[in-house]
Amino acid sequence: MKILITGGTGLIGGAIAEAAVRKGHEVWILSRKEPSGKISGLDAHFICGDWYDDRFVESTVSQDYDVVVDTLI
């Protein structure tokens, strides 16, 4: 399954991303900054950008994801 996780470098999003990768899913992580620490070594795709930028969001979510998990709070 192709999964997009917003806030994927945070505590909750990171845990979801790790679990999804372990289960063999194709994971895309959206964050405002480059990943660091444990999450940066994850076998996932990273997208840097601003979730509050309408043009960026439109181009990002127009990809063919099966699931979008929004952990931005």
C-alpha atoms as a PDB file:
ATOM      1  CA  MET A   1       0.000   0.000   0.000  1.00  0.00           C
ATOM      2  CA  LYS A   2       1.278   3.500  -0.797  1.00  0.00           C
ATOM      3  CA  ILE A   3       0.911   5.680   2.310  1.00  0.00           C
ATOM      4  CA  LEU A   4       1.466   9.434   2.773  1.00  0.00           C
ATOM      5  CA  ILE A   5       2.057  10.519   6.368  1.00  0.00           C
ATOM      6  CA  THR A   6       1.935  14.219   7.211  1.00  0.00           C
ATOM      7  CA  GLY A   7       3.989  15.108  10.253  1.00  0.00           C
ATOM      8  CA  GLY A   8       5.868  11.868   9.731  1.00  0.00           C
ATOM      9  CA  THR A   9       8.996  13.053  11.512  1.00  0.00           C
ATOM     10  CA  GLY A  10       7.125  13.737  14.752  1.00  0.00           C
ATOM     11  CA  LEU A  11       6.524  11.343  17.619  1.00  0.00           C
ATOM     12  CA  ILE A  12       3.188   9.916  16.467  1.00  0.00           C
ATOM     13  CA  GLY A  13       3.767  10.185  12.713  1.00  0.00           C
ATOM     14  CA  GLY A  14       7.237   8.665  13.069  1.00  0.00           C
ATOM     15  CA  ALA A  15       5.885   5.676  14.977  1.00  0.00           C
ATOM     16  CA  ILE A  16       3.215   5.134  12.319  1.00  0.00           C
ATOM     17  CA  ALA A  17       5.828   5.445   9.559  1.00  0.00           C
ATOM     18  CA  GLU A  18       8.134   2.903  11.229  1.00  0.00           C
ATOM     19  CA  ALA A  19       5.294   0.413  11.669  1.00  0.00           C
ATOM     20  CA  ALA A  20       4.135   0.841   8.069  1.00  0.00           C
ATOM     21  CA  VAL A  21       7.653   0.323   6.688  1.00  0.00           C
ATOM     22  CA  ARG A  22       8.093  -2.802   8.859  1.00  0.00           C
ATOM     23  CA  LYS A  23       4.884  -4.187   7.356  1.00  0.00           C
ATOM     24  CA  GLY A  24       6.252  -3.648   3.854  1.00  0.00           C
ATOM     25  CA  HIS A  25       4.247  -0.602   2.797  1.00  0.00           C
ATOM     26  CA  GLU A  26       5.608   2.129   0.518  1.00  0.00           C
ATOM     27  CA  VAL A  27       5.792   5.120   2.846  1.00  0.00           C
ATOM     28  CA  TRP A  28       6.029   8.802   1.908  1.00  0.00           C
ATOM     29  CA  ILE A  29       6.704  11.224   4.761  1.00  0.00           C
ATOM     30  CA  LEU A  30       5.784  14.891   4.496  1.00  0.00           C
ATOM     31  CA  SER A  31       7.579  17.290   6.827  1.00  0.00           C
ATOM     32  CA  ARG A  32       8.614  20.923   6.938  1.00  0.00           C
ATOM     33  CA  LYS A  33      12.291  20.083   7.310  1.00  0.00           C
ATOM     34  CA  GLU A  34      14.789  17.414   6.345  1.00  0.00           C
ATOM     35  CA  PRO A  35      14.500  14.284   8.501  1.00  0.00           C
ATOM     36  CA  SER A  36      17.068  13.675  11.208  1.00  0.00           C
ATOM     37  CA  GLY A  37      17.801  11.085  13.842  1.00  0.00           C
ATOM     38  CA  LYS A  38      16.229   7.642  13.734  1.00  0.00           C
ATOM     39  CA  ILE A  39      13.575   8.587  11.178  1.00  0.00           C
ATOM     40  CA  SER A  40      16.190   9.632   8.605  1.00  0.00           C
ATOM     41  CA  GLY A  41      17.418   6.041   8.339  1.00  0.00           C
ATOM     42  CA  LEU A  42      13.949   4.717   7.555  1.00  0.00           C
ATOM     43  CA  ASP A  43      13.369   3.108   4.167  1.00  0.00           C
ATOM     44  CA  ALA A  44      10.838   5.742   3.146  1.00  0.00           C
ATOM     45  CA  HIS A  45      10.483   8.643   0.735  1.00  0.00           C
ATOM     46  CA  PHE A  46      10.725  12.138   2.222  1.00  0.00           C
ATOM     47  CA  ILE A  47       8.917  15.225   0.926  1.00  0.00           C
ATOM     48  CA  CYS A  48       9.797  18.606   2.428  1.00  0.00           C
ATOM     49  CA  GLY A  49       7.239  21.358   2.225  1.00  0.00           C
ATOM     50  CA  ASP A  50       4.558  23.399   3.918  1.00  0.00           C
ATOM     51  CA  TRP A  51       1.244  21.622   4.451  1.00  0.00           C
ATOM     52  CA  TYR A  52      -0.423  25.051   4.671  1.00  0.00           C
ATOM     53  CA  ASP A  53       0.675  25.999   1.142  1.00  0.00           C
ATOM     54  CA  ASP A  54      -2.344  25.148  -1.030  1.00  0.00           C
ATOM     55  CA  ARG A  55      -0.357  24.697  -4.259  1.00  0.00           C
ATOM     56  CA  PHE A  56       2.119  22.385  -2.552  1.00  0.00           C
ATOM     57  CA  VAL A  57      -0.653  20.319  -0.966  1.00  0.00           C
ATOM     58  CA  GLU A  58      -2.513  19.977  -4.249  1.00  0.00           C
ATOM     59  CA  SER A  59       0.581  18.754  -6.094  1.00  0.00           C
ATOM     60  CA  THR A  60       1.511  16.385  -3.248  1.00  0.00           C
ATOM     61  CA  VAL A  61      -1.848  14.724  -2.662  1.00  0.00           C
ATOM     62  CA  SER A  62      -2.602  14.473  -6.371  1.00  0.00           C
ATOM     63  CA  GLN A  63      -0.195  11.528  -6.389  1.00  0.00           C
ATOM     64  CA  ASP A  64      -1.785   8.099  -6.248  1.00  0.00           C
ATOM     65  CA  TYR A  65      -1.740   7.312  -2.501  1.00  0.00           C
ATOM     66  CA  ASP A  66      -3.901   4.568  -1.073  1.00  0.00           C
ATOM     67  CA  VAL A  67      -3.995   6.207   2.344  1.00  0.00           C
ATOM     68  CA  VAL A  68      -3.181   9.648   3.752  1.00  0.00           C
ATOM     69  CA  VAL A  69      -2.494   9.777   7.502  1.00  0.00           C
ATOM     70  CA  ASP A  70      -2.561  13.332   8.871  1.00  0.00           C
ATOM     71  CA  THR A  71      -0.687  13.600  12.173  1.00  0.00           C
ATOM     72  CA  LEU A  72      -0.160  17.363  12.060  1.00  0.00           C
ATOM     73  CA  ILE A  73      -1.614  18.977  15.155  1.00  0.00           C
END
